Amino acid sequence: MLGILAASTLVITAGIMLVVQLDNKYGVLGLVAQLQSFQVRVDNQSDFELSILETGVVTSAAAEASVDEVGKILKSGKTIKIKPRLTLSGEGGIYLKYSDPREPDVSRTVGVCSYTETLSGYSKVIITNDKVTIEQNCS
């Protein structure tokens, strides 16, 4: 009986240590988010209202591209979470297309996931007046 109790305590302790290690390295929420369907969070830190036009998949194969029209306005200082409805056969990357009022006839495209086979994980996009910063954790 004492042996079972000791073994159970050891397994529980090892599990807690593993969760703490993963939390320190990835963040538990980050680990869970990496396994879920792909989502992208766009943070508009620019002085302008942005038009989020679409997300899509780029592949090197001759496969038909998958595109999800977003069509939302993102006001300055606001954040939006997008869960694109995309399909992928094989491997590819995910992009985000947006425009701003400084050049209304020009859309900008940024890669938000450089490589994926499963359309899972997440990316964080921060758009300022001068640059775009992307943190991606996708697979």
N, C-alpha and C. Protein backbone atom coordinates (compact mmCIF):
# COMPACT_ATOMS: atom_id res chain seq x y z
N MET A 1 0.82 -1.20 0.00
CA MET A 1 0.00 0.00 0.00
C MET A 1 0.86 1.26 0.00
N LEU A 2 1.91 1.23 0.80
CA LEU A 2 2.82 2.38 0.87
C LEU A 2 3.52 2.59 -0.47
N GLY A 3 3.82 1.49 -1.15
CA GLY A 3 4.47 1.59 -2.46
C GLY A 3 3.57 2.25 -3.50
N ILE A 4 2.29 1.93 -3.49
CA ILE A 4 1.33 2.53 -4.42
C ILE A 4 1.20 4.02 -4.15
N LEU A 5 1.13 4.38 -2.88
CA LEU A 5 1.04 5.79 -2.51
C LEU A 5 2.28 6.56 -2.95
N ALA A 6 3.45 5.97 -2.75
CA ALA A 6 4.71 6.62 -3.15
C ALA A 6 4.77 6.77 -4.68
N ALA A 7 4.36 5.73 -5.41
CA ALA A 7 4.38 5.79 -6.88
C ALA A 7 3.39 6.84 -7.39
N SER A 8 2.22 6.91 -6.78
CA SER A 8 1.21 7.91 -7.18
C SER A 8 1.73 9.32 -6.93
N THR A 9 2.34 9.51 -5.77
CA THR A 9 2.90 10.83 -5.45
C THR A 9 3.99 11.20 -6.45
N LEU A 10 4.82 10.25 -6.83
CA LEU A 10 5.88 10.51 -7.80
C LEU A 10 5.32 10.90 -9.16
N VAL A 11 4.28 10.20 -9.62
CA VAL A 11 3.67 10.50 -10.92
C VAL A 11 3.01 11.88 -10.89
N ILE A 12 2.31 12.21 -9.82
CA ILE A 12 1.67 13.53 -9.71
C ILE A 12 2.72 14.63 -9.68
N THR A 13 3.79 14.43 -8.93
CA THR A 13 4.86 15.41 -8.86
C THR A 13 5.52 15.61 -10.22
N ALA A 14 5.78 14.52 -10.93
CA ALA A 14 6.38 14.62 -12.26
C ALA A 14 5.46 15.37 -13.21
N GLY A 15 4.15 15.12 -13.11
CA GLY A 15 3.19 15.83 -13.96
C GLY A 15 3.17 17.32 -13.69
N ILE A 16 3.20 17.68 -12.41
CA ILE A 16 3.22 19.10 -12.06
C ILE A 16 4.50 19.76 -12.56
N MET A 17 5.63 19.08 -12.43
CA MET A 17 6.90 19.63 -12.90
C MET A 17 6.89 19.82 -14.41
N LEU A 18 6.28 18.89 -15.13
CA LEU A 18 6.19 19.00 -16.59
C LEU A 18 5.35 20.21 -16.98
N VAL A 19 4.20 20.39 -16.33
CA VAL A 19 3.35 21.54 -16.64
C VAL A 19 4.07 22.84 -16.34
N VAL A 20 4.79 22.91 -15.24
CA VAL A 20 5.54 24.12 -14.89
C VAL A 20 6.62 24.39 -15.93
N GLN A 21 7.32 23.36 -16.37
CA GLN A 21 8.36 23.54 -17.38
C GLN A 21 7.76 24.03 -18.70
N LEU A 22 6.66 23.42 -19.12
CA LEU A 22 6.01 23.85 -20.36
C LEU A 22 5.49 25.26 -20.24
N ASP A 23 4.95 25.61 -19.07
CA ASP A 23 4.46 26.96 -18.86
C ASP A 23 5.60 27.97 -18.94
N ASN A 24 6.75 27.63 -18.39
CA ASN A 24 7.89 28.54 -18.44
C ASN A 24 8.41 28.70 -19.86
N LYS A 25 8.39 27.63 -20.63
CA LYS A 25 8.96 27.69 -21.98
C LYS A 25 7.96 28.23 -23.00
N TYR A 26 6.72 27.73 -22.97
CA TYR A 26 5.74 28.08 -24.00
C TYR A 26 4.54 28.84 -23.45
N GLY A 27 4.25 28.66 -22.21
CA GLY A 27 2.98 29.12 -21.66
C GLY A 27 1.96 28.03 -21.95
N VAL A 28 1.25 27.58 -20.95
CA VAL A 28 0.30 26.50 -21.15
C VAL A 28 -0.75 26.89 -22.17
N LEU A 29 -1.22 28.12 -22.11
CA LEU A 29 -2.21 28.55 -23.10
C LEU A 29 -1.62 28.53 -24.50
N GLY A 30 -0.34 28.89 -24.63
CA GLY A 30 0.31 28.83 -25.93
C GLY A 30 0.41 27.41 -26.44
N LEU A 31 0.68 26.47 -25.55
CA LEU A 31 0.77 25.07 -25.93
C LEU A 31 -0.58 24.56 -26.41
N VAL A 32 -1.64 24.90 -25.69
CA VAL A 32 -2.98 24.49 -26.10
C VAL A 32 -3.36 25.16 -27.41
N ALA A 33 -3.06 26.45 -27.55
CA ALA A 33 -3.41 27.19 -28.76
C ALA A 33 -2.70 26.64 -29.98
N GLN A 34 -1.48 26.12 -29.79
CA GLN A 34 -0.74 25.59 -30.92
C GLN A 34 -1.41 24.35 -31.49
N LEU A 35 -2.20 23.66 -30.69
CA LEU A 35 -2.86 22.44 -31.14
C LEU A 35 -4.25 22.69 -31.71
N GLN A 36 -4.79 23.89 -31.55
CA GLN A 36 -6.12 24.21 -32.03
C GLN A 36 -6.06 24.71 -33.47
N SER A 37 -7.23 24.86 -34.09
CA SER A 37 -7.29 25.41 -35.44
C SER A 37 -6.61 26.77 -35.47
N PHE A 38 -5.97 27.07 -36.59
CA PHE A 38 -5.18 28.30 -36.69
C PHE A 38 -6.03 29.54 -36.43
N GLN A 39 -5.44 30.47 -35.68
CA GLN A 39 -6.06 31.77 -35.49
C GLN A 39 -4.97 32.83 -35.50
N VAL A 40 -5.35 34.02 -35.89
CA VAL A 40 -4.41 35.14 -35.92
C VAL A 40 -5.02 36.31 -35.17
N ARG A 41 -4.21 36.94 -34.34
CA ARG A 41 -4.63 38.13 -33.61
C ARG A 41 -3.91 39.32 -34.22
N VAL A 42 -4.67 40.32 -34.64
CA VAL A 42 -4.11 41.52 -35.26
C VAL A 42 -4.31 42.68 -34.30
N ASP A 43 -3.21 43.33 -33.94
CA ASP A 43 -3.22 44.46 -33.01
C ASP A 43 -2.86 45.71 -33.81
N ASN A 44 -3.81 46.61 -33.94
CA ASN A 44 -3.59 47.84 -34.71
C ASN A 44 -3.05 48.93 -33.78
N GLN A 45 -1.74 49.10 -33.79
CA GLN A 45 -1.10 50.15 -33.00
C GLN A 45 -0.73 51.35 -33.87
N SER A 46 -1.30 51.40 -35.06
CA SER A 46 -1.05 52.55 -35.94
C SER A 46 -2.03 53.67 -35.60
N ASP A 47 -1.86 54.80 -36.25
CA ASP A 47 -2.76 55.93 -36.05
C ASP A 47 -3.96 55.87 -36.98
N PHE A 48 -4.08 54.79 -37.74
CA PHE A 48 -5.09 54.71 -38.79
C PHE A 48 -6.02 53.53 -38.60
N GLU A 49 -7.19 53.64 -39.16
CA GLU A 49 -8.16 52.55 -39.21
C GLU A 49 -7.73 51.63 -40.36
N LEU A 50 -7.61 50.35 -40.09
CA LEU A 50 -7.19 49.39 -41.11
C LEU A 50 -8.38 48.59 -41.62
N SER A 51 -8.31 48.20 -42.88
CA SER A 51 -9.29 47.27 -43.45
C SER A 51 -8.62 45.91 -43.54
N ILE A 52 -9.13 44.95 -42.79
CA ILE A 52 -8.61 43.58 -42.86
C ILE A 52 -9.38 42.90 -43.98
N LEU A 53 -8.69 42.60 -45.07
CA LEU A 53 -9.36 42.13 -46.27
C LEU A 53 -9.56 40.62 -46.33
N GLU A 54 -8.46 39.86 -46.13
CA GLU A 54 -8.58 38.42 -46.27
C GLU A 54 -7.40 37.70 -45.64
N THR A 55 -7.59 36.41 -45.43
CA THR A 55 -6.51 35.50 -45.11
C THR A 55 -6.52 34.44 -46.20
N GLY A 56 -5.40 33.79 -46.37
CA GLY A 56 -5.35 32.76 -47.41
C GLY A 56 -4.15 31.86 -47.25
N VAL A 57 -4.15 30.81 -48.04
CA VAL A 57 -3.07 29.82 -48.04
C VAL A 57 -2.28 29.95 -49.32
N VAL A 58 -0.97 29.89 -49.19
CA VAL A 58 -0.06 29.87 -50.33
C VAL A 58 0.63 28.52 -50.32
N THR A 59 0.64 27.84 -51.47
CA THR A 59 1.34 26.56 -51.59
C THR A 59 2.26 26.60 -52.78
N SER A 60 3.24 25.72 -52.76
CA SER A 60 4.14 25.62 -53.91
C SER A 60 3.58 24.67 -54.96
N ALA A 61 2.62 23.86 -54.56
CA ALA A 61 1.99 22.91 -55.49
C ALA A 61 0.99 23.65 -56.37
N ALA A 62 0.50 22.95 -57.35
CA ALA A 62 -0.47 23.53 -58.26
C ALA A 62 -1.89 23.47 -57.69
N ALA A 63 -1.98 23.27 -56.39
CA ALA A 63 -3.29 23.18 -55.75
C ALA A 63 -4.00 24.54 -55.78
N GLU A 64 -5.31 24.49 -55.78
CA GLU A 64 -6.10 25.72 -55.76
C GLU A 64 -5.93 26.42 -54.42
N ALA A 65 -5.73 27.73 -54.46
CA ALA A 65 -5.52 28.50 -53.25
C ALA A 65 -6.81 28.59 -52.43
N SER A 66 -6.65 28.54 -51.13
CA SER A 66 -7.78 28.69 -50.21
C SER A 66 -7.75 30.12 -49.68
N VAL A 67 -8.89 30.81 -49.76
CA VAL A 67 -8.98 32.21 -49.33
C VAL A 67 -10.22 32.37 -48.45
N ASP A 68 -10.08 33.15 -47.39
CA ASP A 68 -11.20 33.48 -46.53
C ASP A 68 -11.33 35.00 -46.48
N GLU A 69 -12.40 35.52 -47.05
CA GLU A 69 -12.66 36.96 -47.04
C GLU A 69 -13.02 37.39 -45.63
N VAL A 70 -12.30 38.36 -45.08
CA VAL A 70 -12.57 38.84 -43.73
C VAL A 70 -13.47 40.07 -43.78
N GLY A 71 -13.03 41.10 -44.49
CA GLY A 71 -13.84 42.30 -44.68
C GLY A 71 -14.23 43.01 -43.40
N LYS A 72 -13.28 43.22 -42.50
CA LYS A 72 -13.59 43.92 -41.25
C LYS A 72 -12.71 45.15 -41.10
N ILE A 73 -13.24 46.14 -40.42
CA ILE A 73 -12.51 47.36 -40.11
C ILE A 73 -11.90 47.21 -38.72
N LEU A 74 -10.62 47.55 -38.59
CA LEU A 74 -9.93 47.49 -37.31
C LEU A 74 -9.48 48.90 -36.94
N LYS A 75 -10.14 49.46 -35.95
CA LYS A 75 -9.84 50.83 -35.54
C LYS A 75 -8.49 50.91 -34.84
N SER A 76 -7.91 52.08 -34.86
CA SER A 76 -6.64 52.33 -34.20
C SER A 76 -6.75 51.98 -32.72
N GLY A 77 -5.74 51.26 -32.22
CA GLY A 77 -5.72 50.89 -30.81
C GLY A 77 -6.52 49.64 -30.47
N LYS A 78 -7.15 49.04 -31.44
CA LYS A 78 -7.99 47.86 -31.20
C LYS A 78 -7.29 46.59 -31.68
N THR A 79 -7.79 45.45 -31.20
CA THR A 79 -7.28 44.14 -31.57
C THR A 79 -8.43 43.28 -32.05
N ILE A 80 -8.15 42.42 -33.02
CA ILE A 80 -9.16 41.50 -33.54
C ILE A 80 -8.55 40.11 -33.60
N LYS A 81 -9.36 39.09 -33.29
CA LYS A 81 -8.95 37.70 -33.45
C LYS A 81 -9.70 37.14 -34.65
N ILE A 82 -8.94 36.50 -35.52
CA ILE A 82 -9.52 35.93 -36.74
C ILE A 82 -9.24 34.43 -36.73
N LYS A 83 -10.29 33.64 -36.95
CA LYS A 83 -10.14 32.19 -37.11
C LYS A 83 -10.48 31.88 -38.57
N PRO A 84 -9.48 31.91 -39.44
CA PRO A 84 -9.75 31.73 -40.86
C PRO A 84 -10.35 30.36 -41.19
N ARG A 85 -11.25 30.37 -42.14
CA ARG A 85 -11.81 29.13 -42.67
C ARG A 85 -11.03 28.79 -43.93
N LEU A 86 -9.98 28.01 -43.74
CA LEU A 86 -9.08 27.68 -44.84
C LEU A 86 -8.97 26.17 -44.98
N THR A 87 -8.56 25.74 -46.16
CA THR A 87 -8.28 24.33 -46.39
C THR A 87 -6.87 24.21 -46.96
N LEU A 88 -6.27 23.06 -46.70
CA LEU A 88 -4.90 22.84 -47.15
C LEU A 88 -4.69 21.36 -47.41
N SER A 89 -4.11 21.07 -48.54
CA SER A 89 -3.73 19.71 -48.86
C SER A 89 -2.22 19.71 -49.04
N GLY A 90 -1.52 19.11 -48.11
CA GLY A 90 -0.06 19.12 -48.17
C GLY A 90 0.50 20.15 -47.22
N GLU A 91 1.34 21.02 -47.74
CA GLU A 91 1.99 22.03 -46.91
C GLU A 91 1.90 23.39 -47.57
N GLY A 92 1.99 24.42 -46.75
CA GLY A 92 1.91 25.77 -47.29
C GLY A 92 2.12 26.80 -46.20
N GLY A 93 1.79 28.03 -46.52
CA GLY A 93 1.89 29.13 -45.57
C GLY A 93 0.59 29.91 -45.56
N ILE A 94 0.42 30.73 -44.55
CA ILE A 94 -0.81 31.51 -44.41
C ILE A 94 -0.45 32.99 -44.46
N TYR A 95 -1.24 33.76 -45.18
CA TYR A 95 -1.01 35.20 -45.28
C TYR A 95 -2.22 35.98 -44.79
N LEU A 96 -1.99 37.26 -44.52
CA LEU A 96 -3.04 38.21 -44.15
C LEU A 96 -2.91 39.39 -45.08
N LYS A 97 -4.02 39.82 -45.63
CA LYS A 97 -4.03 40.98 -46.52
C LYS A 97 -4.85 42.09 -45.88
N TYR A 98 -4.28 43.30 -45.88
CA TYR A 98 -4.97 44.45 -45.28
C TYR A 98 -4.63 45.71 -46.06
N SER A 99 -5.37 46.78 -45.78
CA SER A 99 -5.06 48.08 -46.39
C SER A 99 -5.29 49.16 -45.35
N ASP A 100 -4.69 50.33 -45.60
CA ASP A 100 -4.92 51.47 -44.71
C ASP A 100 -5.24 52.70 -45.54
N PRO A 101 -5.78 53.74 -44.92
CA PRO A 101 -6.27 54.89 -45.67
C PRO A 101 -5.18 55.73 -46.32
N ARG A 102 -3.93 55.53 -45.96
CA ARG A 102 -2.85 56.31 -46.59
C ARG A 102 -2.70 55.93 -48.06
N GLU A 103 -2.98 54.67 -48.37
CA GLU A 103 -2.94 54.19 -49.75
C GLU A 103 -4.16 53.29 -49.97
N PRO A 104 -5.32 53.86 -50.18
CA PRO A 104 -6.55 53.07 -50.22
C PRO A 104 -6.63 52.06 -51.36
N ASP A 105 -5.91 52.30 -52.44
CA ASP A 105 -5.96 51.38 -53.58
C ASP A 105 -4.86 50.31 -53.53
N VAL A 106 -4.07 50.33 -52.45
CA VAL A 106 -2.96 49.39 -52.32
C VAL A 106 -3.22 48.49 -51.12
N SER A 107 -3.16 47.18 -51.35
CA SER A 107 -3.29 46.26 -50.22
C SER A 107 -1.90 45.73 -49.88
N ARG A 108 -1.72 45.44 -48.62
CA ARG A 108 -0.45 44.89 -48.14
C ARG A 108 -0.68 43.45 -47.73
N THR A 109 0.27 42.60 -48.04
CA THR A 109 0.17 41.19 -47.70
C THR A 109 1.36 40.82 -46.83
N VAL A 110 1.07 40.18 -45.69
CA VAL A 110 2.12 39.72 -44.80
C VAL A 110 1.93 38.24 -44.51
N GLY A 111 3.01 37.50 -44.45
CA GLY A 111 2.96 36.10 -44.09
C GLY A 111 2.80 35.97 -42.59
N VAL A 112 1.75 35.29 -42.15
CA VAL A 112 1.51 35.15 -40.72
C VAL A 112 1.83 33.74 -40.21
N CYS A 113 2.06 32.83 -41.11
CA CYS A 113 2.50 31.47 -40.75
C CYS A 113 3.32 30.98 -41.93
N SER A 114 4.62 30.93 -41.76
CA SER A 114 5.48 30.61 -42.90
C SER A 114 5.39 29.15 -43.32
N TYR A 115 5.02 28.24 -42.41
CA TYR A 115 4.93 26.83 -42.78
C TYR A 115 3.88 26.14 -41.93
N THR A 116 2.98 25.44 -42.60
CA THR A 116 1.98 24.64 -41.90
C THR A 116 1.59 23.44 -42.75
N GLU A 117 1.28 22.36 -42.08
CA GLU A 117 0.71 21.18 -42.73
C GLU A 117 -0.70 20.91 -42.19
N THR A 118 -0.99 21.50 -41.04
CA THR A 118 -2.23 21.15 -40.34
C THR A 118 -3.16 22.34 -40.10
N LEU A 119 -2.77 23.54 -40.49
CA LEU A 119 -3.57 24.74 -40.22
C LEU A 119 -3.91 24.86 -38.74
N SER A 120 -2.89 24.66 -37.90
CA SER A 120 -3.10 24.78 -36.46
C SER A 120 -2.08 25.76 -35.89
N GLY A 121 -2.35 26.22 -34.69
CA GLY A 121 -1.47 27.17 -34.02
C GLY A 121 -2.03 28.57 -34.07
N TYR A 122 -1.15 29.54 -33.88
CA TYR A 122 -1.59 30.93 -33.83
C TYR A 122 -0.47 31.86 -34.27
N SER A 123 -0.85 33.07 -34.60
CA SER A 123 0.11 34.14 -34.89
C SER A 123 -0.42 35.42 -34.28
N LYS A 124 0.52 36.28 -33.90
CA LYS A 124 0.19 37.61 -33.39
C LYS A 124 0.83 38.61 -34.33
N VAL A 125 0.02 39.54 -34.83
CA VAL A 125 0.49 40.55 -35.77
C VAL A 125 0.29 41.92 -35.12
N ILE A 126 1.36 42.69 -35.05
CA ILE A 126 1.27 44.05 -34.52
C ILE A 126 1.61 45.00 -35.67
N ILE A 127 0.66 45.86 -36.00
CA ILE A 127 0.84 46.81 -37.09
C ILE A 127 0.97 48.21 -36.50
N THR A 128 2.10 48.87 -36.79
CA THR A 128 2.31 50.25 -36.36
C THR A 128 2.36 51.12 -37.61
N ASN A 129 2.61 52.41 -37.44
CA ASN A 129 2.72 53.30 -38.60
C ASN A 129 3.90 52.93 -39.49
N ASP A 130 4.95 52.38 -38.90
CA ASP A 130 6.19 52.16 -39.63
C ASP A 130 6.53 50.72 -39.96
N LYS A 131 5.97 49.77 -39.20
CA LYS A 131 6.37 48.38 -39.43
C LYS A 131 5.30 47.41 -38.99
N VAL A 132 5.51 46.16 -39.39
CA VAL A 132 4.63 45.05 -38.99
C VAL A 132 5.51 44.01 -38.29
N THR A 133 5.11 43.61 -37.10
CA THR A 133 5.83 42.60 -36.34
C THR A 133 4.94 41.36 -36.23
N ILE A 134 5.53 40.19 -36.50
CA ILE A 134 4.76 38.96 -36.50
C ILE A 134 5.43 37.94 -35.60
N GLU A 135 4.66 37.39 -34.68
CA GLU A 135 5.12 36.28 -33.85
C GLU A 135 4.26 35.10 -34.25
N GLN A 136 4.90 34.06 -34.77
CA GLN A 136 4.12 32.92 -35.23
C GLN A 136 4.49 31.66 -34.47
N ASN A 137 3.48 30.87 -34.20
CA ASN A 137 3.64 29.59 -33.53
C ASN A 137 2.62 28.65 -34.16
N CYS A 138 2.91 28.22 -35.35
CA CYS A 138 1.96 27.40 -36.09
C CYS A 138 2.63 26.12 -36.55
N SER A 139 1.78 25.16 -36.92
CA SER A 139 2.32 23.88 -37.40
C SER A 139 1.42 23.29 -38.47
